[in-house]
C-alpha atoms as a PDB file:
ATOM      1  CA  MET A   1     -14.372 -21.909   2.011  1.00  0.00           C
ATOM      2  CA  GLN A   2     -14.775 -18.565   0.284  1.00  0.00           C
ATOM      3  CA  VAL A   3     -11.841 -16.533  -1.050  1.00  0.00           C
ATOM      4  CA  PHE A   4     -12.046 -12.746  -1.193  1.00  0.00           C
ATOM      5  CA  TYR A   5      -9.547 -11.176  -3.620  1.00  0.00           C
ATOM      6  CA  VAL A   6      -8.968  -7.476  -2.962  1.00  0.00           C
ATOM      7  CA  ASP A   7      -7.269  -4.707  -4.933  1.00  0.00           C
ATOM      8  CA  GLU A   8      -7.476  -0.931  -5.151  1.00  0.00           C
ATOM      9  CA  ALA A   9      -7.957   1.803  -7.733  1.00  0.00           C
ATOM     10  CA  GLY A  10      -7.032   5.440  -7.386  1.00  0.00           C
ATOM     11  CA  CYS A  11      -4.508   6.907  -4.987  1.00  0.00           C
ATOM     12  CA  THR A  12      -4.704   7.705  -1.290  1.00  0.00           C
ATOM     13  CA  GLY A  13      -3.524  11.319  -1.627  1.00  0.00           C
ATOM     14  CA  MET A  14      -5.718  14.368  -1.108  1.00  0.00           C
ATOM     15  CA  LEU A  15      -7.225  16.347  -3.999  1.00  0.00           C
ATOM     16  CA  PRO A  16      -5.730  19.878  -3.730  1.00  0.00           C
ATOM     17  CA  SER A  17      -7.982  21.524  -6.306  1.00  0.00           C
ATOM     18  CA  ALA A  18     -10.631  20.819  -8.902  1.00  0.00           C
ATOM     19  CA  VAL A  19      -8.024  20.882 -11.672  1.00  0.00           C
ATOM     20  CA  SER A  20      -5.310  18.948  -9.883  1.00  0.00           C
ATOM     21  CA  PRO A  21      -4.132  15.811 -11.771  1.00  0.00           C
ATOM     22  CA  ILE A  22      -4.673  13.729  -8.621  1.00  0.00           C
ATOM     23  CA  GLN A  23      -7.201  10.899  -8.893  1.00  0.00           C
ATOM     24  CA  PRO A  24     -10.456  12.121  -7.300  1.00  0.00           C
ATOM     25  CA  VAL A  25     -11.717   8.662  -6.378  1.00  0.00           C
ATOM     26  CA  PHE A  26     -10.309   5.864  -4.233  1.00  0.00           C
ATOM     27  CA  VAL A  27     -11.735   2.339  -4.420  1.00  0.00           C
ATOM     28  CA  LEU A  28     -10.822  -0.768  -2.455  1.00  0.00           C
ATOM     29  CA  GLY A  29     -12.660  -4.007  -3.073  1.00  0.00           C
ATOM     30  CA  GLY A  30     -12.862  -7.076  -5.205  1.00  0.00           C
ATOM     31  CA  VAL A  31     -14.457 -10.431  -5.899  1.00  0.00           C
ATOM     32  CA  LEU A  32     -15.567 -13.386  -3.795  1.00  0.00           C
ATOM     33  CA  LEU A  33     -15.161 -16.907  -5.162  1.00  0.00           C
ATOM     34  CA  HIS A  34     -15.952 -20.261  -3.597  1.00  0.00           C
ATOM     35  CA  GLN A  35     -12.865 -22.413  -3.060  1.00  0.00           C
ATOM     36  CA  SER A  36     -14.072 -24.755  -5.820  1.00  0.00           C
ATOM     37  CA  ARG A  37     -13.927 -21.927  -8.364  1.00  0.00           C
ATOM     38  CA  PRO A  38     -10.397 -20.435  -8.546  1.00  0.00           C
ATOM     39  CA  GLN A  39      -8.894 -23.204 -10.675  1.00  0.00           C
ATOM     40  CA  GLY A  40     -11.653 -23.152 -13.273  1.00  0.00           C
ATOM     41  CA  PHE A  41     -11.877 -19.366 -13.146  1.00  0.00           C
ATOM     42  CA  THR A  42      -8.126 -19.037 -13.693  1.00  0.00           C
ATOM     43  CA  LEU A  43      -8.106 -21.300 -16.755  1.00  0.00           C
ATOM     44  CA  ASP A  44     -11.128 -19.549 -18.246  1.00  0.00           C
ATOM     45  CA  TRP A  45      -9.478 -16.189 -17.528  1.00  0.00           C
ATOM     46  CA  LEU A  46      -6.309 -17.207 -19.393  1.00  0.00           C
ATOM     47  CA  ARG A  47      -8.379 -18.345 -22.374  1.00  0.00           C
ATOM     48  CA  LEU A  48     -10.275 -15.057 -22.401  1.00  0.00           C
ATOM     49  CA  LYS A  49      -7.077 -13.000 -22.427  1.00  0.00           C
ATOM     50  CA  GLY A  50      -5.692 -15.134 -25.237  1.00  0.00           C
ATOM     51  CA  ARG A  51      -8.817 -14.735 -27.351  1.00  0.00           C
ATOM     52  CA  CYS A  52      -9.259 -11.010 -26.833  1.00  0.00           C
ATOM     53  CA  PHE A  53      -5.614  -9.875 -26.823  1.00  0.00           C
ATOM     54  CA  PRO A  54      -3.646 -12.399 -28.912  1.00  0.00           C
ATOM     55  CA  ASN A  55      -1.089  -9.716 -29.817  1.00  0.00           C
ATOM     56  CA  LEU A  56       0.048  -9.651 -26.174  1.00  0.00           C
ATOM     57  CA  GLN A  57       1.219 -13.251 -26.267  1.00  0.00           C
ATOM     58  CA  ILE A  58       4.730 -13.741 -24.880  1.00  0.00           C
ATOM     59  CA  PRO A  59       7.053 -15.176 -27.586  1.00  0.00           C
ATOM     60  CA  ASN A  60       7.732 -18.905 -27.156  1.00  0.00           C
ATOM     61  CA  SER A  61       5.365 -19.030 -24.196  1.00  0.00           C
ATOM     62  CA  ASP A  62       3.050 -21.748 -22.941  1.00  0.00           C
ATOM     63  CA  PHE A  63      -0.656 -21.363 -22.247  1.00  0.00           C
ATOM     64  CA  LEU A  64      -0.109 -20.892 -18.509  1.00  0.00           C
ATOM     65  CA  ASP A  65       2.230 -17.975 -19.167  1.00  0.00           C
ATOM     66  CA  TRP A  66      -0.857 -15.892 -19.918  1.00  0.00           C
ATOM     67  CA  ILE A  67      -1.195 -15.371 -16.169  1.00  0.00           C
ATOM     68  CA  ALA A  68       1.783 -12.982 -16.373  1.00  0.00           C
ATOM     69  CA  VAL A  69       0.062 -10.917 -19.081  1.00  0.00           C
ATOM     70  CA  GLU A  70      -2.024  -8.416 -17.152  1.00  0.00           C
ATOM     71  CA  ILE A  71      -4.898  -6.540 -18.725  1.00  0.00           C
ATOM     72  CA  LYS A  72      -4.938  -3.514 -16.440  1.00  0.00           C
ATOM     73  CA  GLY A  73      -8.094  -1.607 -15.723  1.00  0.00           C
ATOM     74  CA  ALA A  74      -6.281   1.707 -16.231  1.00  0.00           C
ATOM     75  CA  ASP A  75      -5.397   0.661 -19.800  1.00  0.00           C
ATOM     76  CA  LEU A  76      -9.016  -0.229 -20.560  1.00  0.00           C
ATOM     77  CA  ARG A  77     -10.130   3.139 -19.185  1.00  0.00           C
ATOM     78  CA  LYS A  78      -7.666   4.879 -21.477  1.00  0.00           C
ATOM     79  CA  ARG A  79      -8.997   3.030 -24.529  1.00  0.00           C
ATOM     80  CA  ILE A  80     -12.547   4.048 -23.648  1.00  0.00           C
ATOM     81  CA  ARG A  81     -11.574   7.625 -22.815  1.00  0.00           C
ATOM     82  CA  GLU A  82      -9.137   8.399 -25.616  1.00  0.00           C
ATOM     83  CA  GLY A  83      -9.193   5.630 -28.164  1.00  0.00           C
ATOM     84  CA  PRO A  84     -10.813   5.598 -31.593  1.00  0.00           C
ATOM     85  CA  ARG A  85     -13.889   3.450 -32.141  1.00  0.00           C
ATOM     86  CA  ASP A  86     -12.285   0.036 -32.664  1.00  0.00           C
ATOM     87  CA  PRO A  87     -10.039   0.028 -29.548  1.00  0.00           C
ATOM     88  CA  ARG A  88     -12.970   1.340 -27.521  1.00  0.00           C
ATOM     89  CA  ARG A  89     -15.204  -1.440 -28.806  1.00  0.00           C
ATOM     90  CA  GLN A  90     -12.511  -4.004 -28.058  1.00  0.00           C
ATOM     91  CA  ALA A  91     -12.171  -2.768 -24.485  1.00  0.00           C
ATOM     92  CA  LEU A  92     -15.924  -2.752 -23.870  1.00  0.00           C
ATOM     93  CA  GLY A  93     -16.319  -6.157 -25.495  1.00  0.00           C
ATOM     94  CA  PHE A  94     -13.606  -7.603 -23.288  1.00  0.00           C
ATOM     95  CA  MET A  95     -15.224  -6.100 -20.186  1.00  0.00           C
ATOM     96  CA  ASP A  96     -18.545  -7.638 -21.184  1.00  0.00           C
ATOM     97  CA  LYS A  97     -16.969 -11.097 -21.510  1.00  0.00           C
ATOM     98  CA  PHE A  98     -15.151 -10.601 -18.217  1.00  0.00           C
ATOM     99  CA  LEU A  99     -18.461 -10.055 -16.434  1.00  0.00           C
ATOM    100  CA  ASP A 100     -19.816 -13.151 -18.208  1.00  0.00           C
ATOM    101  CA  LEU A 101     -16.911 -15.057 -16.676  1.00  0.00           C
ATOM    102  CA  LEU A 102     -17.599 -13.750 -13.175  1.00  0.00           C
ATOM    103  CA  GLU A 103     -21.275 -14.631 -13.493  1.00  0.00           C
ATOM    104  CA  THR A 104     -20.441 -18.122 -14.735  1.00  0.00           C
ATOM    105  CA  HIS A 105     -18.355 -18.719 -11.617  1.00  0.00           C
ATOM    106  CA  ASP A 106     -20.931 -17.205  -9.239  1.00  0.00           C
ATOM    107  CA  ALA A 107     -18.626 -14.388  -8.137  1.00  0.00           C
ATOM    108  CA  ARG A 108     -19.884 -11.706  -5.771  1.00  0.00           C
ATOM    109  CA  VAL A 109     -18.614  -8.142  -5.357  1.00  0.00           C
ATOM    110  CA  LEU A 110     -17.781  -6.100  -2.258  1.00  0.00           C
ATOM    111  CA  ALA A 111     -16.117  -2.668  -2.349  1.00  0.00           C
ATOM    112  CA  ARG A 112     -15.815   0.692  -0.600  1.00  0.00           C
ATOM    113  CA  LEU A 113     -15.599   3.818  -2.728  1.00  0.00           C
ATOM    114  CA  TYR A 114     -14.529   7.301  -1.635  1.00  0.00           C
ATOM    115  CA  VAL A 115     -15.107  10.433  -3.680  1.00  0.00           C
ATOM    116  CA  LYS A 116     -12.545  12.845  -2.279  1.00  0.00           C
ATOM    117  CA  PRO A 117     -13.353  16.361  -1.087  1.00  0.00           C
ATOM    118  CA  ILE A 118     -11.508  19.254  -2.733  1.00  0.00           C
ATOM    119  CA  ALA A 119      -8.713  20.975  -0.798  1.00  0.00           C
ATOM    120  CA  THR A 120      -9.524  18.983   2.325  1.00  0.00           C
ATOM    121  CA  SER A 121      -7.358  16.490   4.146  1.00  0.00           C
ATOM    122  CA  PHE A 122      -7.709  12.870   3.049  1.00  0.00           C
ATOM    123  CA  ASN A 123      -5.789  10.464   5.288  1.00  0.00           C
ATOM    124  CA  GLY A 124      -5.114   7.662   2.847  1.00  0.00           C
ATOM    125  CA  LYS A 125      -3.321   5.394   5.314  1.00  0.00           C
ATOM    126  CA  SER A 126      -6.185   5.581   7.787  1.00  0.00           C
ATOM    127  CA  VAL A 127      -8.808   5.164   5.072  1.00  0.00           C
ATOM    128  CA  TYR A 128      -7.096   2.098   3.610  1.00  0.00           C
ATOM    129  CA  THR A 129      -6.861   0.374   6.992  1.00  0.00           C
ATOM    130  CA  SER A 130     -10.413   1.188   8.023  1.00  0.00           C
ATOM    131  CA  VAL A 131     -11.777   0.044   4.659  1.00  0.00           C
ATOM    132  CA  VAL A 132     -10.069  -3.339   5.002  1.00  0.00           C
ATOM    133  CA  GLN A 133     -11.747  -3.726   8.390  1.00  0.00           C
ATOM    134  CA  CYS A 134     -15.126  -2.745   6.913  1.00  0.00           C
ATOM    135  CA  LEU A 135     -14.690  -5.183   4.047  1.00  0.00           C
ATOM    136  CA  ALA A 136     -13.788  -7.882   6.570  1.00  0.00           C
ATOM    137  CA  VAL A 137     -17.063  -7.162   8.395  1.00  0.00           C
ATOM    138  CA  ASP A 138     -19.058  -7.502   5.164  1.00  0.00           C
ATOM    139  CA  PHE A 139     -17.123 -10.639   4.230  1.00  0.00           C
ATOM    140  CA  GLN A 140     -17.845 -12.084   7.665  1.00  0.00           C
ATOM    141  CA  ARG A 141     -21.565 -11.540   7.064  1.00  0.00           C
ATOM    142  CA  TYR A 142     -21.256 -13.370   3.744  1.00  0.00           C
ATOM    143  CA  LEU A 143     -19.456 -16.261   5.443  1.00  0.00           C
ATOM    144  CA  ALA A 144     -22.184 -16.474   8.064  1.00  0.00           C
ATOM    145  CA  ALA A 145     -24.894 -16.397   5.389  1.00  0.00           C
ATOM    146  CA  THR A 146     -23.211 -19.190   3.399  1.00  0.00           C
ATOM    147  CA  HIS A 147     -22.083 -21.176   6.481  1.00  0.00           C
ATOM    148  CA  THR A 148     -18.498 -21.247   5.263  1.00  0.00           C
ATOM    149  CA  ALA A 149     -15.045 -20.098   6.323  1.00  0.00           C
ATOM    150  CA  GLY A 150     -13.029 -17.560   4.376  1.00  0.00           C
ATOM    151  CA  LEU A 151      -9.673 -16.069   3.468  1.00  0.00           C
ATOM    152  CA  MET A 152      -8.839 -12.565   2.252  1.00  0.00           C
ATOM    153  CA  ILE A 153      -6.029 -12.213  -0.314  1.00  0.00           C
ATOM    154  CA  LEU A 154      -4.962  -8.605  -0.921  1.00  0.00           C
ATOM    155  CA  ASP A 155      -2.707  -7.249  -3.633  1.00  0.00           C
ATOM    156  CA  SER A 156       0.657  -6.738  -1.951  1.00  0.00           C
ATOM    157  CA  ARG A 157       2.074  -3.244  -1.496  1.00  0.00           C
ATOM    158  CA  ASN A 158       5.124  -3.284   0.813  1.00  0.00           C
ATOM    159  CA  LYS A 159       5.929  -5.115   4.035  1.00  0.00           C
ATOM    160  CA  ARG A 160       5.271  -2.194   6.371  1.00  0.00           C
ATOM    161  CA  GLU A 161       1.909  -1.349   4.819  1.00  0.00           C
ATOM    162  CA  ASN A 162       0.922  -5.015   4.596  1.00  0.00           C
ATOM    163  CA  THR A 163       1.797  -5.600   8.247  1.00  0.00           C
ATOM    164  CA  ASN A 164      -0.175  -2.564   9.389  1.00  0.00           C
ATOM    165  CA  VAL A 165      -3.289  -3.663   7.510  1.00  0.00           C
ATOM    166  CA  SER A 166      -3.082  -7.264   8.680  1.00  0.00           C
ATOM    167  CA  HIS A 167      -2.520  -6.161  12.270  1.00  0.00           C
ATOM    168  CA  SER A 168      -5.659  -4.000  12.171  1.00  0.00           C
ATOM    169  CA  VAL A 169      -7.670  -7.175  11.525  1.00  0.00           C
ATOM    170  CA  PHE A 170      -5.621  -9.121  14.083  1.00  0.00           C
ATOM    171  CA  THR A 171      -6.615  -6.722  16.873  1.00  0.00           C
ATOM    172  CA  GLN A 172     -10.300  -7.191  16.028  1.00  0.00           C
ATOM    173  CA  LYS A 173     -10.088 -10.943  15.695  1.00  0.00           C
ATOM    174  CA  PHE A 174      -8.361 -11.456  19.053  1.00  0.00           C
ATOM    175  CA  ARG A 175     -10.024  -8.696  21.052  1.00  0.00           C
ATOM    176  CA  ALA A 176     -11.124  -9.481  24.604  1.00  0.00           C
ATOM    177  CA  THR A 177     -14.806  -8.947  23.812  1.00  0.00           C
ATOM    178  CA  GLY A 178     -14.841 -11.640  21.126  1.00  0.00           C
ATOM    179  CA  ASP A 179     -13.786 -12.458  17.581  1.00  0.00           C
ATOM    180  CA  ALA A 180     -15.235  -9.915  15.132  1.00  0.00           C
ATOM    181  CA  TYR A 181     -14.324 -12.108  12.149  1.00  0.00           C
ATOM    182  CA  ALA A 182     -15.010 -15.642  13.325  1.00  0.00           C
ATOM    183  CA  GLY A 183     -15.287 -16.934   9.770  1.00  0.00           C
ATOM    184  CA  LEU A 184     -11.816 -15.805   8.728  1.00  0.00           C
ATOM    185  CA  VAL A 185      -9.369 -18.699   9.042  1.00  0.00           C
ATOM    186  CA  GLU A 186      -6.363 -16.337   9.105  1.00  0.00           C
ATOM    187  CA  MET A 187      -5.359 -12.708   8.933  1.00  0.00           C
ATOM    188  CA  PRO A 188      -5.464 -11.154   5.439  1.00  0.00           C
ATOM    189  CA  VAL A 189      -2.608 -12.470   3.330  1.00  0.00           C
ATOM    190  CA  PHE A 190      -0.905 -10.744   0.404  1.00  0.00           C
ATOM    191  CA  GLY A 191      -0.125 -11.891  -3.110  1.00  0.00           C
ATOM    192  CA  HIS A 192       1.220 -10.508  -6.355  1.00  0.00           C
ATOM    193  CA  SER A 193      -1.227  -9.950  -9.152  1.00  0.00           C
ATOM    194  CA  ASP A 194       0.907 -11.703 -11.773  1.00  0.00           C
ATOM    195  CA  ASN A 195       0.287 -14.996  -9.939  1.00  0.00           C
ATOM    196  CA  HIS A 196      -3.367 -14.599  -8.917  1.00  0.00           C
ATOM    197  CA  ALA A 197      -6.180 -14.472 -11.445  1.00  0.00           C
ATOM    198  CA  GLY A 198      -8.462 -13.398  -8.602  1.00  0.00           C
ATOM    199  CA  ILE A 199      -6.383 -10.307  -7.857  1.00  0.00           C
ATOM    200  CA  GLN A 200      -6.353  -9.454 -11.554  1.00  0.00           C
ATOM    201  CA  ALA A 201     -10.138  -9.733 -11.502  1.00  0.00           C
ATOM    202  CA  ALA A 202     -10.284  -7.469  -8.441  1.00  0.00           C
ATOM    203  CA  ASP A 203      -8.178  -4.899 -10.296  1.00  0.00           C
ATOM    204  CA  LEU A 204     -10.626  -4.862 -13.192  1.00  0.00           C
ATOM    205  CA  ILE A 205     -13.664  -4.534 -10.924  1.00  0.00           C
ATOM    206  CA  CYS A 206     -12.120  -1.575  -9.116  1.00  0.00           C
ATOM    207  CA  SER A 207     -10.140   0.087 -11.891  1.00  0.00           C
ATOM    208  CA  ALA A 208     -12.030  -0.673 -15.116  1.00  0.00           C
ATOM    209  CA  PHE A 209     -15.573  -0.491 -13.713  1.00  0.00           C
ATOM    210  CA  LEU A 210     -16.074   1.199 -10.343  1.00  0.00           C
ATOM    211  CA  PHE A 211     -13.430   3.954 -10.628  1.00  0.00           C
ATOM    212  CA  PRO A 212     -14.548   5.371 -14.014  1.00  0.00           C
ATOM    213  CA  MET A 213     -18.235   4.946 -13.158  1.00  0.00           C
ATOM    214  CA  ALA A 214     -17.698   6.929  -9.952  1.00  0.00           C
ATOM    215  CA  ALA A 215     -15.612   9.571 -11.729  1.00  0.00           C
ATOM    216  CA  TYR A 216     -18.415  10.066 -14.246  1.00  0.00           C
ATOM    217  CA  VAL A 217     -21.309   9.991 -11.783  1.00  0.00           C
ATOM    218  CA  TYR A 218     -19.873  11.933  -8.844  1.00  0.00           C
ATOM    219  CA  CYS A 219     -17.079  14.100 -10.302  1.00  0.00           C
ATOM    220  CA  LEU A 220     -18.175  15.241 -13.765  1.00  0.00           C
ATOM    221  CA  GLY A 221     -18.758  18.997 -13.597  1.00  0.00           C
ATOM    222  CA  ARG A 222     -16.999  19.250 -10.238  1.00  0.00           C
ATOM    223  CA  VAL A 223     -13.492  18.007 -11.069  1.00  0.00           C
ATOM    224  CA  SER A 224     -11.711  18.746 -14.322  1.00  0.00           C
ATOM    225  CA  ASN A 225      -8.757  16.463 -15.007  1.00  0.00           C
ATOM    226  CA  ILE A 226      -7.798  13.411 -17.066  1.00  0.00           C
ATOM    227  CA  HIS A 227      -9.433  11.032 -14.591  1.00  0.00           C
ATOM    228  CA  VAL A 228     -12.942  12.418 -15.163  1.00  0.00           C
ATOM    229  CA  HIS A 229     -14.377  11.918 -18.629  1.00  0.00           C
ATOM    230  CA  LEU A 230     -17.771  11.967 -20.305  1.00  0.00           C
ATOM    231  CA  GLN A 231     -17.024   8.746 -22.208  1.00  0.00           C
ATOM    232  CA  TYR A 232     -17.184   6.804 -18.949  1.00  0.00           C
ATOM    233  CA  TYR A 233     -20.966   6.952 -19.208  1.00  0.00           C
ATOM    234  CA  ARG A 234     -20.641   3.961 -21.530  1.00  0.00           C
ATOM    235  CA  ILE A 235     -19.345   1.795 -18.681  1.00  0.00           C
ATOM    236  CA  ARG A 236     -22.229   2.625 -16.356  1.00  0.00           C
ATOM    237  CA  ASP A 237     -24.857   2.315 -19.075  1.00  0.00           C
ATOM    238  CA  LEU A 238     -23.564  -1.032 -20.311  1.00  0.00           C
ATOM    239  CA  PHE A 239     -22.548  -2.697 -17.055  1.00  0.00           C
ATOM    240  CA  GLY A 240     -24.076  -0.845 -14.107  1.00  0.00           C
ATOM    241  CA  GLU A 241     -27.104  -3.100 -13.700  1.00  0.00           C
ATOM    242  CA  ARG A 242     -25.022  -6.275 -13.947  1.00  0.00           C
ATOM    243  CA  LEU A 243     -22.588  -5.076 -11.299  1.00  0.00           C
ATOM    244  CA  LYS A 244     -25.493  -4.083  -9.082  1.00  0.00           C
ATOM    245  CA  ARG A 245     -26.806  -7.659  -9.212  1.00  0.00           C
ATOM    246  CA  MET A 246     -23.393  -9.103  -8.374  1.00  0.00           C
ATOM    247  CA  GLN A 247     -23.138  -7.302  -5.047  1.00  0.00           C
ATOM    248  CA  PHE A 248     -23.498  -9.136  -1.757  1.00  0.00           C
ATOM    249  CA  ARG A 249     -25.830  -7.015   0.369  1.00  0.00           C
ATOM    250  CA  TYR A 250     -27.455  -7.714   3.704  1.00  0.00           C
ATOM    251  CA  GLN A 251     -29.626  -6.024   6.323  1.00  0.00           C
ATOM    252  CA  ASP A 252     -28.211  -5.186   9.725  1.00  0.00           C
ATOM    253  CA  ALA A 253     -30.030  -5.366  13.077  1.00  0.00           C
ATOM    254  CA  ASN A 254     -31.780  -2.075  12.288  1.00  0.00           C
ATOM    255  CA  GLN A 255     -32.882  -3.296   8.843  1.00  0.00           C
ATOM    256  CA  TRP A 256     -30.430  -0.972   7.078  1.00  0.00           C
ATOM    257  CA  TRP A 257     -28.899  -2.352   3.910  1.00  0.00           C
ATOM    258  CA  ARG A 258     -25.139  -2.898   4.138  1.00  0.00           C
ATOM    259  CA  GLY A 259     -22.381  -4.423   2.048  1.00  0.00           C
ATOM    260  CA  GLY A 260     -22.134  -4.391  -1.715  1.00  0.00           C
ATOM    261  CA  VAL A 261     -20.447  -1.289  -3.144  1.00  0.00           C
ATOM    262  CA  THR A 262     -20.606   1.395  -0.455  1.00  0.00           C
ATOM    263  CA  VAL A 263     -20.063   4.999  -1.573  1.00  0.00           C
ATOM    264  CA  SER A 264     -18.893   7.975   0.472  1.00  0.00           C
ATOM    265  CA  ASP A 265     -19.363  11.071  -1.687  1.00  0.00           C
ATOM    266  CA  ALA A 266     -17.670  14.107  -0.145  1.00  0.00           C
ATOM    267  CA  LEU A 267     -18.284  16.261  -3.252  1.00  0.00           C
ATOM    268  CA  GLY A 268     -21.999  16.194  -3.984  1.00  0.00           C
ATOM    269  CA  HIS A 269     -23.228  13.908  -1.203  1.00  0.00           C
ATOM    270  CA  GLN A 270     -25.149  11.751  -3.655  1.00  0.00           C
ATOM    271  CA  ARG A 271     -26.525   8.331  -2.856  1.00  0.00           C
ATOM    272  CA  GLY A 272     -24.533   5.204  -3.613  1.00  0.00           C
ATOM    273  CA  SER A 273     -27.313   3.754  -5.746  1.00  0.00           C
ATOM    274  CA  VAL A 274     -26.813   6.364  -8.479  1.00  0.00           C
ATOM    275  CA  LEU A 275     -23.462   4.726  -9.237  1.00  0.00           C
ATOM    276  CA  PHE A 276     -25.339   1.970 -11.067  1.00  0.00           C
ATOM    277  CA  GLY A 277     -27.762   4.228 -12.894  1.00  0.00           C
ATOM    278  CA  ALA A 278     -30.635   4.188 -10.408  1.00  0.00           C
END
């Protein structure tokens, strides 16, 4: 079995103007791990947090309590954007070791990324639901390619939103014309990030890597707010090629490449490949 951990970065609200403080990018995606990997990945992840951020240790805590210490992607972005040299180096060094960890455990990446238009409606609820369905399609292709079954675990929001998202997959799985996600053993389920190393990893992929890379590549010079910063070039230059290799991509019936990190750029209409430095 394969497990697909999913989280988001950015908000689902529209961008009213080029100087609005609203986040100009929305990302939903995460990491795929074989069922044999989560235990080893989790223990390695706790060790990595302890080595890189020992000052965050909970007083009188045990080793396993490190799962409750979250290294948020937004905090790493802030260190890279605003911090002096040493905190910036620490953040980038931690991100480098995090990718080492994903590569060691043969993780793959799937995500959908939206660069918002300016002063144009952006239906976040609809986008979120449709993206989950699209990710389920890509995940299904991965399951077929690896001859395995799978389960999607999404970061929980609230019951109403969770139910709506899960039901959107339910209607496709039990439709009269056939199961669109035959490899999924159940509807998407929801967990809390402080108990799932995989969801924490999904947060970093979306929030520490893809969001700032997209803000730099697609929004710099078009949007002027705290979420778009020149320093984010460091993330793409250092990690873009590695993330590109970690994608799961496939060709559809028309030989078009699908999957991986798919970009919809409503600002400059640039190709998705430029996200990684191509």
